[in-house]
Amino acid sequence: MTHPVSPSPSLGDILNQWIAGKSPNSSAWQKLVTAELTPPERAKAFGITPDNVTEKLRARSRLLLSVYSDVLALHFFAQKIQKNSEHSESIQTTILLSLWRLWIPLAIQLADSQKELGRPLMQGILGGQGTGKTTLAVVLKLILAQLGYRTLSLSIDDLYKTYQERQRLREQDPRLIWRGPPGTHDVELGVQVLDELRSQNSSDSILVPRFDKSAWQGAGDRTDFEPVQKADIVLFEGWFVGVRPVAATVFSGATPAPIETESDRAFARDMNEQLKQYLPLWERLDRLIVLYPTDYRLSLQWRRQAEAEMIATGKSGMSDSEINEFVKYFWKALHPELFITPLIHNPDWVDLVIEINSDHTPARVYHPGDD
């Protein structure tokens, strides 16, 4: 009589059993090792080799067991996964895999980089609507705290010019109908703050700008500065953090939709020119991570989902037609195909690319040049 062969446990099964108190046996451990070395581009991005993989995994396992329950307790994240996941894994397995394959090794990498620098690390995070910038920052902060590092989250939104300044700016250029495009930020303030954070001593207190998006009926305004005592790692995120100007000739020929008319191209050229003002700010960054959707048009879908969820809670939100105009406005300003796609292939400017699936979960992870 033959007995059915039990299927080999998946990576998710092994991690779930580990969390439940059952450490991997030799066979399961070998599966973890094999998974860690594939694909090679991901292993290389996190500095994993056949020689150090065992040491790396043991260090990671200790962090996994200490932070997992806290990450799971981030209910907003668990709910987001539950609503949008296209995978068969449970919420728990999805979070476990993200912790094991991305968040913990990334946190360790940032900690190692900060230790090597010997001063606060300025980590840039570039990502559009729905790519998970906020989630990444929250989870990294939690893991880094376990490693003994204090983390500060700063958004490019916190550097907006004041409401009055933006009103005067709009009078000068009526095309600036929304806050957000290049030119609507106080770059000098950003440079000053990052410089102070880079050279901060443990006894210093630095005033960090914050922005209230609800002020002036949603137009937003700068609010009270936040005093910050000692930050080892600064996570500076935003939808065009690290984006650099492209050659002006890019706008002379055929351009991707919705840059279709001559006035669209003129706007794109002007926004490209405005980007030059931000280069001193980008120069303060030690590293740059790009959260890159597998299709940039997903940002439109994600924005619709976000607005629908907000409306479902009783808050006001934009209609689909308003969302279309809103998202396309920013594509006209800095089109992903013209500005982001070239960036992810440049190892001189980008340290890590994390591709994002349609359900917001991470896909490929690689260093430009190794993809």
Protein backbone atom coordinates (compact mmCIF):
# COMPACT_ATOMS: atom_id res chain seq x y z
CA MET A 1 0.00 0.00 0.00
CA THR A 2 1.41 3.34 -1.04
CA HIS A 3 0.98 6.45 1.02
CA PRO A 4 0.62 9.91 -0.48
CA VAL A 5 3.76 11.98 -0.25
CA SER A 6 3.33 15.08 1.89
CA PRO A 7 3.99 18.23 -0.09
CA SER A 8 7.18 20.08 0.73
CA PRO A 9 6.47 23.03 3.04
CA SER A 10 6.54 26.42 1.37
CA LEU A 11 8.60 29.33 2.62
CA GLY A 12 5.42 30.75 4.13
CA ASP A 13 4.70 27.45 5.92
CA ILE A 14 8.20 27.38 7.40
CA LEU A 15 7.94 30.94 8.67
CA ASN A 16 4.45 30.37 10.13
CA GLN A 17 5.70 27.28 11.99
CA TRP A 18 8.71 29.21 13.24
CA ILE A 19 6.51 31.97 14.63
CA ALA A 20 4.40 29.28 16.31
CA GLY A 21 7.49 27.97 18.11
CA LYS A 22 8.66 25.18 15.79
CA SER A 23 12.20 25.93 14.62
CA PRO A 24 13.12 24.79 11.09
CA ASN A 25 14.63 21.30 10.77
CA SER A 26 17.63 20.72 8.50
CA SER A 27 15.45 20.28 5.42
CA ALA A 28 13.45 23.46 6.11
CA TRP A 29 16.64 25.39 6.88
CA GLN A 30 18.13 24.34 3.55
CA LYS A 31 14.97 25.59 1.85
CA LEU A 32 15.42 28.96 3.58
CA VAL A 33 19.03 29.11 2.41
CA THR A 34 18.13 28.22 -1.18
CA ALA A 35 15.33 30.78 -1.25
CA GLU A 36 17.68 33.44 0.12
CA LEU A 37 20.17 32.99 -2.70
CA THR A 38 17.53 33.23 -5.43
CA PRO A 39 17.05 35.25 -7.47
CA PRO A 40 20.73 36.27 -7.53
CA GLU A 41 19.90 39.96 -8.12
CA ARG A 42 18.00 40.16 -4.84
CA ALA A 43 20.70 38.30 -2.91
CA LYS A 44 23.33 40.64 -4.34
CA ALA A 45 21.26 43.73 -3.46
CA PHE A 46 21.26 42.68 0.21
CA GLY A 47 24.85 41.40 0.24
CA ILE A 48 23.85 37.75 0.67
CA THR A 49 26.44 35.16 -0.45
CA PRO A 50 26.84 31.39 0.02
CA ASP A 51 29.56 32.17 2.57
CA ASN A 52 27.50 34.47 4.82
CA VAL A 53 23.92 33.27 4.22
CA THR A 54 23.73 31.18 7.40
CA GLU A 55 24.98 34.02 9.60
CA LYS A 56 22.61 36.49 7.90
CA LEU A 57 19.58 34.25 8.33
CA ARG A 58 20.25 33.57 12.00
CA ALA A 59 20.48 37.32 12.70
CA ARG A 60 17.30 37.88 10.72
CA SER A 61 15.43 35.13 12.55
CA ARG A 62 16.06 36.80 15.90
CA LEU A 63 14.58 40.03 14.58
CA LEU A 64 11.63 38.24 13.01
CA LEU A 65 10.62 36.69 16.33
CA SER A 66 10.97 39.99 18.19
CA VAL A 67 9.11 42.31 15.79
CA TYR A 68 6.49 40.13 14.13
CA SER A 69 3.69 40.63 16.66
CA ASP A 70 4.20 44.40 16.64
CA VAL A 71 4.09 44.56 12.85
CA LEU A 72 0.97 42.41 12.77
CA ALA A 73 -0.60 44.82 15.25
CA LEU A 74 -0.39 47.57 12.63
CA HIS A 75 -4.06 47.06 11.84
CA PHE A 76 -4.16 49.62 9.06
CA PHE A 77 -1.60 47.58 7.17
CA ALA A 78 -3.29 44.24 7.78
CA GLN A 79 -6.60 45.66 6.60
CA LYS A 80 -5.00 47.03 3.44
CA ILE A 81 -3.55 43.64 2.60
CA GLN A 82 -6.89 41.95 3.28
CA LYS A 83 -8.78 44.25 0.95
CA ASN A 84 -6.33 44.22 -1.94
CA SER A 85 -4.34 40.99 -1.92
CA GLU A 86 -4.59 38.90 -5.08
CA HIS A 87 -2.52 36.12 -3.52
CA SER A 88 -3.79 33.00 -1.79
CA GLU A 89 -1.66 33.53 1.32
CA SER A 90 -3.31 34.73 4.46
CA ILE A 91 -2.63 38.17 5.87
CA GLN A 92 -0.22 36.60 8.35
CA THR A 93 1.79 34.85 5.65
CA THR A 94 1.88 37.94 3.46
CA ILE A 95 3.29 40.00 6.33
CA LEU A 96 5.74 37.25 7.30
CA LEU A 97 7.10 37.00 3.77
CA SER A 98 7.45 40.77 3.47
CA LEU A 99 9.26 40.90 6.81
CA TRP A 100 11.58 38.03 5.96
CA ARG A 101 12.32 38.88 2.33
CA LEU A 102 12.34 42.69 2.40
CA TRP A 103 11.72 44.75 5.53
CA ILE A 104 14.16 43.07 7.95
CA PRO A 105 17.09 42.73 5.50
CA LEU A 106 16.51 46.33 4.40
CA ALA A 107 16.48 47.59 8.01
CA ILE A 108 19.72 45.70 8.71
CA GLN A 109 21.25 47.23 5.57
CA LEU A 110 20.31 50.74 6.71
CA ALA A 111 21.71 50.09 10.18
CA ASP A 112 24.98 48.82 8.70
CA SER A 113 25.19 51.87 6.40
CA GLN A 114 24.64 54.24 9.33
CA LYS A 115 27.30 52.47 11.38
CA GLU A 116 29.76 52.74 8.50
CA LEU A 117 29.01 56.46 8.04
CA GLY A 118 29.47 57.26 11.71
CA ARG A 119 26.80 59.98 11.51
CA PRO A 120 23.04 60.16 10.86
CA LEU A 121 22.06 58.42 7.61
CA MET A 122 19.89 60.32 5.12
CA GLN A 123 17.81 57.68 3.30
CA GLY A 124 15.68 58.85 0.38
CA ILE A 125 12.54 56.91 -0.58
CA LEU A 126 10.97 57.67 -3.96
CA GLY A 127 7.48 56.36 -4.62
CA GLY A 128 4.17 57.49 -6.05
CA GLN A 129 0.59 57.02 -4.89
CA GLY A 130 -0.05 53.57 -3.42
CA THR A 131 3.52 52.28 -3.56
CA GLY A 132 3.71 51.96 0.23
CA LYS A 133 6.08 54.75 1.26
CA THR A 134 4.26 55.30 4.56
CA THR A 135 4.00 51.58 5.37
CA LEU A 136 7.68 51.05 4.60
CA ALA A 137 8.71 53.96 6.83
CA VAL A 138 6.54 52.77 9.75
CA VAL A 139 7.79 49.19 9.59
CA LEU A 140 11.44 50.20 9.16
CA LYS A 141 11.16 52.50 12.16
CA LEU A 142 9.80 49.63 14.28
CA ILE A 143 12.55 47.19 13.23
CA LEU A 144 15.33 49.75 13.57
CA ALA A 145 14.13 50.54 17.09
CA GLN A 146 14.73 46.86 17.95
CA LEU A 147 18.27 47.31 16.65
CA GLY A 148 18.75 50.38 18.86
CA TYR A 149 18.38 53.08 16.20
CA ARG A 150 16.20 56.17 16.38
CA THR A 151 14.45 56.92 13.11
CA LEU A 152 12.83 60.13 11.88
CA SER A 153 10.32 60.17 9.03
CA LEU A 154 10.28 63.31 6.90
CA SER A 155 8.14 63.85 3.80
CA ILE A 156 8.79 66.24 0.96
CA ASP A 157 5.23 67.38 1.76
CA ASP A 158 6.62 68.80 5.02
CA LEU A 159 8.68 71.21 2.90
CA TYR A 160 5.74 72.83 1.10
CA LYS A 161 5.80 76.58 0.95
CA THR A 162 3.23 78.21 3.19
CA TYR A 163 -0.36 78.62 2.04
CA GLN A 164 0.16 82.35 1.42
CA GLU A 165 3.35 81.73 -0.54
CA ARG A 166 1.64 79.14 -2.72
CA GLN A 167 -1.28 81.48 -3.34
CA ARG A 168 1.16 84.11 -4.63
CA LEU A 169 2.89 81.43 -6.69
CA ARG A 170 -0.41 80.44 -8.28
CA GLU A 171 -1.13 84.05 -9.17
CA GLN A 172 2.18 84.13 -11.02
CA ASP A 173 1.60 80.74 -12.69
CA PRO A 174 -2.09 79.67 -12.87
CA ARG A 175 -0.99 76.20 -14.03
CA LEU A 176 -0.01 75.37 -10.42
CA ILE A 177 -3.56 74.40 -9.55
CA TRP A 178 -2.48 71.77 -6.98
CA ARG A 179 0.30 71.65 -4.44
CA GLY A 180 2.97 69.09 -5.20
CA PRO A 181 4.79 69.87 -8.45
CA PRO A 182 8.39 71.09 -8.46
CA GLY A 183 8.48 74.72 -7.40
CA THR A 184 5.89 74.45 -4.61
CA HIS A 185 8.45 73.49 -1.94
CA ASP A 186 10.87 75.47 0.21
CA VAL A 187 14.07 73.81 -0.98
CA GLU A 188 16.33 76.06 1.10
CA LEU A 189 14.47 75.01 4.24
CA GLY A 190 14.89 71.36 3.24
CA VAL A 191 18.62 71.75 2.70
CA GLN A 192 18.96 73.49 6.07
CA VAL A 193 17.02 70.79 7.92
CA LEU A 194 18.88 67.88 6.31
CA ASP A 195 22.22 69.56 6.99
CA GLU A 196 21.27 70.01 10.64
CA LEU A 197 20.10 66.40 10.90
CA ARG A 198 23.29 65.10 9.24
CA SER A 199 25.52 66.90 11.74
CA GLN A 200 23.26 66.50 14.74
CA ASN A 201 24.80 65.76 18.14
CA SER A 202 22.94 63.75 20.76
CA SER A 203 22.29 66.87 22.84
CA ASP A 204 20.95 68.94 19.95
CA SER A 205 17.27 69.69 19.42
CA ILE A 206 16.39 70.37 15.78
CA LEU A 207 13.15 71.97 14.61
CA VAL A 208 11.66 69.88 11.80
CA PRO A 209 8.90 71.37 9.59
CA ARG A 210 5.50 69.65 9.42
CA PHE A 211 2.58 70.20 7.06
CA ASP A 212 -1.15 70.07 7.84
CA LYS A 213 -3.00 68.92 4.70
CA SER A 214 -6.40 69.71 6.22
CA ALA A 215 -5.76 73.45 6.68
CA TRP A 216 -7.51 76.00 4.43
CA GLN A 217 -10.21 73.55 3.34
CA GLY A 218 -7.67 71.01 2.16
CA ALA A 219 -5.22 73.41 0.52
CA GLY A 220 -2.89 72.76 3.46
CA ASP A 221 -0.40 74.90 5.34
CA ARG A 222 2.76 74.61 7.37
CA THR A 223 2.06 73.87 11.01
CA ASP A 224 4.19 74.03 14.16
CA PHE A 225 7.76 72.80 13.79
CA GLU A 226 8.52 69.58 15.65
CA PRO A 227 11.57 69.54 17.97
CA VAL A 228 13.61 66.39 17.31
CA GLN A 229 16.27 65.00 19.64
CA LYS A 230 18.86 62.85 17.89
CA ALA A 231 17.90 60.83 14.81
CA ASP A 232 20.28 58.06 13.71
CA ILE A 233 18.43 57.44 10.45
CA VAL A 234 16.24 59.89 8.52
CA LEU A 235 13.71 58.45 6.06
CA PHE A 236 13.01 61.25 3.57
CA GLU A 237 10.16 60.20 1.27
CA GLY A 238 8.12 61.70 -1.52
CA TRP A 239 6.70 61.23 -4.99
CA PHE A 240 9.72 62.75 -6.73
CA VAL A 241 12.47 62.57 -4.10
CA GLY A 242 15.74 62.08 -5.97
CA VAL A 243 14.26 62.71 -9.43
CA ARG A 244 16.64 64.62 -11.69
CA PRO A 245 16.11 66.84 -14.73
CA VAL A 246 16.22 65.19 -18.14
CA ALA A 247 17.50 66.62 -21.42
CA ALA A 248 15.19 69.33 -22.81
CA THR A 249 15.16 67.54 -26.17
CA VAL A 250 12.99 64.83 -24.57
CA PHE A 251 10.00 67.17 -24.95
CA SER A 252 10.68 68.11 -28.56
CA GLY A 253 9.46 64.90 -30.17
CA ALA A 254 6.71 62.42 -29.35
CA THR A 255 5.81 62.40 -25.67
CA PRO A 256 3.77 59.84 -23.69
CA ALA A 257 0.12 60.57 -22.86
CA PRO A 258 -1.22 62.69 -21.29
CA ILE A 259 1.53 65.08 -22.51
CA GLU A 260 -0.19 65.67 -25.83
CA THR A 261 -0.53 69.38 -26.64
CA GLU A 262 2.10 72.08 -26.99
CA SER A 263 0.89 73.63 -23.74
CA ASP A 264 1.34 70.22 -22.04
CA ARG A 265 4.89 70.04 -23.34
CA ALA A 266 5.57 73.60 -22.19
CA PHE A 267 4.37 72.70 -18.69
CA ALA A 268 6.54 69.56 -18.67
CA ARG A 269 9.58 71.56 -19.80
CA ASP A 270 9.00 74.15 -17.07
CA MET A 271 8.63 71.47 -14.37
CA ASN A 272 11.81 69.83 -15.66
CA GLU A 273 13.57 73.17 -15.31
CA GLN A 274 12.23 73.59 -11.76
CA LEU A 275 13.81 70.26 -10.80
CA LYS A 276 17.25 71.86 -11.00
CA GLN A 277 16.44 73.75 -7.80
CA TYR A 278 16.07 70.43 -5.95
CA LEU A 279 19.49 69.01 -6.80
CA PRO A 280 21.17 70.51 -3.68
CA LEU A 281 18.49 68.73 -1.62
CA TRP A 282 19.11 65.38 -3.33
CA GLU A 283 22.85 65.81 -2.79
CA ARG A 284 22.22 65.58 0.97
CA LEU A 285 20.90 62.02 0.56
CA ASP A 286 23.27 59.14 1.30
CA ARG A 287 21.09 56.51 -0.36
CA LEU A 288 17.99 56.33 -2.53
CA ILE A 289 15.36 53.59 -2.70
CA VAL A 290 12.82 53.59 -5.54
CA LEU A 291 9.40 51.96 -5.03
CA TYR A 292 8.57 51.17 -8.64
CA PRO A 293 5.10 49.94 -9.71
CA THR A 294 5.11 47.13 -12.24
CA ASP A 295 2.94 49.53 -14.30
CA TYR A 296 2.99 53.26 -13.51
CA ARG A 297 -0.71 53.50 -14.46
CA LEU A 298 -1.53 51.53 -11.30
CA SER A 299 -1.28 54.84 -9.42
CA LEU A 300 -4.59 55.83 -11.00
CA GLN A 301 -6.23 52.60 -9.83
CA TRP A 302 -4.73 52.96 -6.35
CA ARG A 303 -5.90 56.55 -6.03
CA ARG A 304 -9.45 55.50 -6.92
CA GLN A 305 -9.32 52.77 -4.27
CA ALA A 306 -8.05 55.21 -1.66
CA GLU A 307 -10.77 57.75 -2.43
CA ALA A 308 -13.49 55.06 -2.39
CA GLU A 309 -12.32 53.84 1.02
CA MET A 310 -12.28 57.39 2.35
CA ILE A 311 -15.81 58.07 1.05
CA ALA A 312 -16.98 54.80 2.62
CA THR A 313 -15.95 56.16 6.04
CA GLY A 314 -18.17 59.19 5.55
CA LYS A 315 -15.42 61.61 4.49
CA SER A 316 -15.55 63.65 1.32
CA GLY A 317 -13.54 62.49 -1.68
CA MET A 318 -12.97 63.04 -5.37
CA SER A 319 -15.11 61.58 -8.15
CA ASP A 320 -13.50 59.29 -10.74
CA SER A 321 -13.32 62.13 -13.27
CA GLU A 322 -11.66 64.40 -10.69
CA ILE A 323 -9.20 61.64 -9.82
CA ASN A 324 -8.35 61.21 -13.51
CA GLU A 325 -7.57 64.90 -13.85
CA PHE A 326 -5.61 64.95 -10.61
CA VAL A 327 -3.37 61.99 -11.47
CA LYS A 328 -2.86 63.06 -15.08
CA TYR A 329 -1.84 66.52 -13.89
CA PHE A 330 1.14 65.00 -12.09
CA TRP A 331 1.94 62.74 -15.04
CA LYS A 332 2.10 65.88 -17.15
CA ALA A 333 4.43 67.51 -14.62
CA LEU A 334 6.88 64.61 -14.19
CA HIS A 335 5.91 61.65 -16.34
CA PRO A 336 7.09 58.33 -14.85
CA GLU A 337 8.32 57.03 -18.21
CA LEU A 338 10.45 60.12 -18.75
CA PHE A 339 11.77 60.64 -15.21
CA ILE A 340 11.46 57.46 -13.12
CA THR A 341 12.20 54.70 -15.63
CA PRO A 342 15.65 56.11 -16.57
CA LEU A 343 16.42 56.58 -12.88
CA ILE A 344 15.98 52.93 -11.92
CA HIS A 345 18.70 51.92 -14.36
CA ASN A 346 21.27 54.33 -12.95
CA PRO A 347 23.47 52.76 -10.23
CA ASP A 348 25.14 56.11 -9.53
CA TRP A 349 21.89 57.61 -8.21
CA VAL A 350 19.82 54.67 -6.97
CA ASP A 351 20.86 52.04 -4.43
CA LEU A 352 17.80 49.81 -4.43
CA VAL A 353 14.73 49.27 -6.63
CA ILE A 354 11.69 47.57 -5.12
CA GLU A 355 9.05 46.69 -7.69
CA ILE A 356 5.46 46.88 -6.43
CA ASN A 357 2.67 44.53 -7.55
CA SER A 358 -0.88 45.68 -8.29
CA ASP A 359 -1.95 44.56 -4.79
CA HIS A 360 0.78 46.74 -3.18
CA THR A 361 2.99 43.77 -2.25
CA PRO A 362 6.72 43.81 -3.13
CA ALA A 363 7.92 41.97 -6.22
CA ARG A 364 11.50 42.11 -7.55
CA VAL A 365 14.24 43.74 -5.47
CA TYR A 366 17.53 44.69 -7.12
CA HIS A 367 20.35 47.18 -7.42
CA PRO A 368 20.45 49.07 -10.75
CA GLY A 369 22.99 47.44 -13.02
CA ASP A 370 22.31 44.02 -11.54
CA ASP A 371 18.78 43.71 -12.97
